Amino acid sequence: VSVGILNDKPILDLCYEEDSGAEVDMNIVMTDEGKFIEVQGTGEETTFSHDQLMELITLAAKGCHDLYQIQKNTLGEEISREISNE
């Protein structure tokens, strides 16, 4: 998922315009078990603090979790289990 800081506010799933103007831009990829695959972030316009980093990671983790829930609800438990085991 994409997260960032725009006008000092953390945002989940930035659109193109938000991404282009963000002070901080991050991409975070996680498994459905909450383990990290990728964490990539840049202070585009400014630096960011440890607290802001943790806030963005927490926001991204929630976004990933919500997406997995939507996926499981849409595909059903059986197909979701098969995908997770591959």
N, C-alpha and C. Protein backbone atom coordinates (compact mmCIF):
# COMPACT_ATOMS: atom_id res chain seq x y z
N VAL A 1 0.84 -1.17 0.00
CA VAL A 1 0.00 0.00 0.00
C VAL A 1 0.88 1.24 0.00
N SER A 2 0.29 2.32 -0.36
CA SER A 2 0.95 3.61 -0.36
C SER A 2 0.48 4.41 0.86
N VAL A 3 1.43 5.01 1.55
CA VAL A 3 1.11 5.93 2.64
C VAL A 3 2.02 7.15 2.51
N GLY A 4 1.61 8.21 3.11
CA GLY A 4 2.44 9.40 3.05
C GLY A 4 1.98 10.47 4.02
N ILE A 5 2.73 11.52 4.04
CA ILE A 5 2.38 12.68 4.86
C ILE A 5 2.18 13.85 3.91
N LEU A 6 1.00 14.43 3.98
CA LEU A 6 0.64 15.58 3.16
C LEU A 6 0.05 16.64 4.07
N ASN A 7 0.65 17.82 4.06
CA ASN A 7 0.22 18.90 4.95
C ASN A 7 0.22 18.45 6.41
N ASP A 8 1.28 17.74 6.78
CA ASP A 8 1.48 17.23 8.15
C ASP A 8 0.45 16.19 8.57
N LYS A 9 -0.29 15.63 7.62
CA LYS A 9 -1.33 14.65 7.94
C LYS A 9 -0.98 13.30 7.28
N PRO A 10 -0.98 12.20 8.06
CA PRO A 10 -0.73 10.89 7.47
C PRO A 10 -1.93 10.44 6.62
N ILE A 11 -1.65 9.90 5.44
CA ILE A 11 -2.70 9.50 4.50
C ILE A 11 -2.41 8.11 3.99
N LEU A 12 -3.46 7.30 3.91
CA LEU A 12 -3.38 5.95 3.35
C LEU A 12 -3.86 5.99 1.91
N ASP A 13 -3.15 5.28 1.03
CA ASP A 13 -3.55 5.12 -0.37
C ASP A 13 -3.64 6.45 -1.09
N LEU A 14 -2.50 7.11 -1.17
CA LEU A 14 -2.45 8.42 -1.83
C LEU A 14 -2.80 8.31 -3.31
N CYS A 15 -3.61 9.22 -3.79
CA CYS A 15 -3.87 9.33 -5.23
C CYS A 15 -2.66 10.03 -5.86
N TYR A 16 -2.66 10.13 -7.18
CA TYR A 16 -1.52 10.72 -7.89
C TYR A 16 -1.22 12.14 -7.41
N GLU A 17 -2.25 12.95 -7.29
CA GLU A 17 -2.05 14.35 -6.89
C GLU A 17 -1.47 14.42 -5.47
N GLU A 18 -2.00 13.59 -4.55
CA GLU A 18 -1.49 13.57 -3.18
C GLU A 18 -0.05 13.09 -3.16
N ASP A 19 0.23 12.02 -3.92
CA ASP A 19 1.57 11.45 -3.98
C ASP A 19 2.57 12.49 -4.51
N SER A 20 2.17 13.24 -5.52
CA SER A 20 3.05 14.25 -6.12
C SER A 20 3.38 15.37 -5.16
N GLY A 21 2.47 15.68 -4.25
CA GLY A 21 2.68 16.78 -3.32
C GLY A 21 3.08 16.37 -1.92
N ALA A 22 3.24 15.07 -1.69
CA ALA A 22 3.51 14.58 -0.33
C ALA A 22 4.90 14.98 0.15
N GLU A 23 4.96 15.32 1.44
CA GLU A 23 6.25 15.60 2.06
C GLU A 23 7.02 14.31 2.27
N VAL A 24 6.30 13.25 2.60
CA VAL A 24 6.88 11.92 2.81
C VAL A 24 6.03 10.92 2.03
N ASP A 25 6.69 10.01 1.36
CA ASP A 25 6.02 9.01 0.53
C ASP A 25 6.59 7.64 0.84
N MET A 26 5.73 6.67 1.12
CA MET A 26 6.18 5.31 1.44
C MET A 26 5.33 4.28 0.72
N ASN A 27 5.96 3.16 0.39
CA ASN A 27 5.28 1.98 -0.12
C ASN A 27 5.61 0.85 0.84
N ILE A 28 4.59 0.16 1.30
CA ILE A 28 4.77 -0.93 2.25
C ILE A 28 3.99 -2.13 1.75
N VAL A 29 4.69 -3.27 1.67
CA VAL A 29 4.08 -4.52 1.23
C VAL A 29 4.19 -5.50 2.39
N MET A 30 3.06 -6.13 2.73
CA MET A 30 3.02 -7.07 3.86
C MET A 30 2.28 -8.34 3.46
N THR A 31 2.59 -9.42 4.17
CA THR A 31 1.84 -10.66 3.99
C THR A 31 0.54 -10.56 4.78
N ASP A 32 -0.34 -11.54 4.55
CA ASP A 32 -1.59 -11.55 5.32
C ASP A 32 -1.36 -11.90 6.78
N GLU A 33 -0.14 -12.32 7.12
CA GLU A 33 0.20 -12.60 8.52
C GLU A 33 0.87 -11.39 9.20
N GLY A 34 0.96 -10.28 8.47
CA GLY A 34 1.52 -9.07 9.05
C GLY A 34 3.03 -8.98 8.99
N LYS A 35 3.68 -9.82 8.18
CA LYS A 35 5.13 -9.76 8.03
C LYS A 35 5.46 -8.85 6.84
N PHE A 36 6.57 -8.16 6.95
CA PHE A 36 6.97 -7.22 5.91
C PHE A 36 7.66 -7.92 4.75
N ILE A 37 7.31 -7.48 3.55
CA ILE A 37 7.99 -7.90 2.33
C ILE A 37 8.86 -6.74 1.84
N GLU A 38 8.30 -5.54 1.89
CA GLU A 38 9.05 -4.36 1.44
C GLU A 38 8.62 -3.15 2.24
N VAL A 39 9.60 -2.33 2.58
CA VAL A 39 9.36 -1.02 3.18
C VAL A 39 10.27 -0.05 2.44
N GLN A 40 9.68 0.89 1.75
CA GLN A 40 10.45 1.86 0.98
C GLN A 40 9.84 3.23 1.24
N GLY A 41 10.65 4.14 1.72
CA GLY A 41 10.12 5.46 2.03
C GLY A 41 11.13 6.55 1.76
N THR A 42 10.61 7.72 1.44
CA THR A 42 11.46 8.86 1.12
C THR A 42 10.87 10.14 1.70
N GLY A 43 11.72 10.91 2.30
CA GLY A 43 11.34 12.26 2.69
C GLY A 43 11.48 13.14 1.45
N GLU A 44 10.40 13.27 0.70
CA GLU A 44 10.44 13.98 -0.58
C GLU A 44 10.73 15.47 -0.39
N GLU A 45 10.05 16.08 0.54
CA GLU A 45 10.17 17.52 0.74
C GLU A 45 10.75 17.89 2.10
N THR A 46 10.78 16.92 3.02
CA THR A 46 11.25 17.22 4.37
C THR A 46 11.68 15.92 5.05
N THR A 47 12.25 16.04 6.20
CA THR A 47 12.58 14.86 7.00
C THR A 47 11.34 14.43 7.77
N PHE A 48 11.41 13.23 8.35
CA PHE A 48 10.31 12.76 9.19
C PHE A 48 10.87 12.07 10.41
N SER A 49 10.08 12.09 11.46
CA SER A 49 10.53 11.59 12.76
C SER A 49 10.25 10.10 12.92
N HIS A 50 10.82 9.52 13.93
CA HIS A 50 10.56 8.13 14.29
C HIS A 50 9.08 7.92 14.56
N ASP A 51 8.47 8.85 15.29
CA ASP A 51 7.04 8.74 15.59
C ASP A 51 6.21 8.77 14.31
N GLN A 52 6.56 9.64 13.37
CA GLN A 52 5.83 9.69 12.10
C GLN A 52 6.02 8.39 11.30
N LEU A 53 7.23 7.84 11.32
CA LEU A 53 7.49 6.56 10.65
C LEU A 53 6.62 5.47 11.23
N MET A 54 6.56 5.39 12.55
CA MET A 54 5.74 4.36 13.20
C MET A 54 4.26 4.56 12.89
N GLU A 55 3.83 5.82 12.82
CA GLU A 55 2.44 6.12 12.48
C GLU A 55 2.12 5.66 11.06
N LEU A 56 3.04 5.90 10.13
CA LEU A 56 2.83 5.46 8.74
C LEU A 56 2.83 3.94 8.62
N ILE A 57 3.72 3.28 9.33
CA ILE A 57 3.76 1.81 9.30
C ILE A 57 2.47 1.24 9.88
N THR A 58 1.99 1.81 10.96
CA THR A 58 0.73 1.35 11.57
C THR A 58 -0.44 1.57 10.62
N LEU A 59 -0.47 2.71 9.97
CA LEU A 59 -1.53 3.02 9.00
C LEU A 59 -1.47 2.04 7.83
N ALA A 60 -0.28 1.77 7.32
CA ALA A 60 -0.12 0.83 6.21
C ALA A 60 -0.53 -0.58 6.62
N ALA A 61 -0.16 -1.00 7.82
CA ALA A 61 -0.53 -2.33 8.30
C ALA A 61 -2.05 -2.48 8.37
N LYS A 62 -2.74 -1.44 8.83
CA LYS A 62 -4.19 -1.48 8.87
C LYS A 62 -4.76 -1.56 7.45
N GLY A 63 -4.19 -0.77 6.53
CA GLY A 63 -4.64 -0.81 5.14
C GLY A 63 -4.44 -2.18 4.52
N CYS A 64 -3.29 -2.80 4.75
CA CYS A 64 -3.04 -4.15 4.23
C CYS A 64 -4.03 -5.14 4.83
N HIS A 65 -4.24 -5.05 6.13
CA HIS A 65 -5.18 -5.96 6.80
C HIS A 65 -6.58 -5.81 6.22
N ASP A 66 -7.02 -4.58 6.05
CA ASP A 66 -8.35 -4.33 5.48
C ASP A 66 -8.47 -4.90 4.06
N LEU A 67 -7.42 -4.72 3.26
CA LEU A 67 -7.44 -5.27 1.90
C LEU A 67 -7.52 -6.79 1.90
N TYR A 68 -6.76 -7.43 2.80
CA TYR A 68 -6.83 -8.89 2.90
C TYR A 68 -8.23 -9.35 3.31
N GLN A 69 -8.87 -8.62 4.20
CA GLN A 69 -10.24 -8.98 4.62
C GLN A 69 -11.21 -8.86 3.46
N ILE A 70 -11.09 -7.78 2.69
CA ILE A 70 -11.95 -7.60 1.51
C ILE A 70 -11.70 -8.74 0.52
N GLN A 71 -10.44 -9.07 0.31
CA GLN A 71 -10.09 -10.15 -0.61
C GLN A 71 -10.68 -11.49 -0.13
N LYS A 72 -10.55 -11.79 1.14
CA LYS A 72 -11.10 -13.04 1.68
C LYS A 72 -12.61 -13.07 1.55
N ASN A 73 -13.26 -11.95 1.83
CA ASN A 73 -14.72 -11.89 1.72
C ASN A 73 -15.18 -12.05 0.28
N THR A 74 -14.41 -11.50 -0.64
CA THR A 74 -14.77 -11.57 -2.05
C THR A 74 -14.51 -12.95 -2.64
N LEU A 75 -13.35 -13.51 -2.33
CA LEU A 75 -12.95 -14.80 -2.91
C LEU A 75 -13.51 -16.00 -2.15
N GLY A 76 -13.81 -15.80 -0.88
CA GLY A 76 -14.24 -16.90 -0.03
C GLY A 76 -13.05 -17.51 0.69
N GLU A 77 -13.33 -18.16 1.79
CA GLU A 77 -12.28 -18.72 2.65
C GLU A 77 -11.45 -19.80 1.94
N GLU A 78 -12.11 -20.69 1.21
CA GLU A 78 -11.39 -21.81 0.60
C GLU A 78 -10.35 -21.32 -0.42
N ILE A 79 -10.74 -20.43 -1.31
CA ILE A 79 -9.81 -19.91 -2.31
C ILE A 79 -8.73 -19.08 -1.62
N SER A 80 -9.10 -18.30 -0.64
CA SER A 80 -8.12 -17.49 0.09
C SER A 80 -7.08 -18.37 0.77
N ARG A 81 -7.50 -19.47 1.34
CA ARG A 81 -6.57 -20.40 1.97
C ARG A 81 -5.60 -20.99 0.95
N GLU A 82 -6.12 -21.37 -0.22
CA GLU A 82 -5.27 -21.90 -1.26
C GLU A 82 -4.24 -20.90 -1.72
N ILE A 83 -4.64 -19.66 -1.90
CA ILE A 83 -3.72 -18.61 -2.31
C ILE A 83 -2.64 -18.41 -1.25
N SER A 84 -3.02 -18.41 0.02
CA SER A 84 -2.06 -18.19 1.12
C SER A 84 -1.07 -19.32 1.22
N ASN A 85 -1.45 -20.52 0.85
CA ASN A 85 -0.54 -21.68 0.97
C ASN A 85 0.41 -21.83 -0.19
N GLU A 86 0.22 -21.06 -1.27
CA GLU A 86 1.11 -21.18 -2.44
C GLU A 86 2.42 -20.52 -2.19
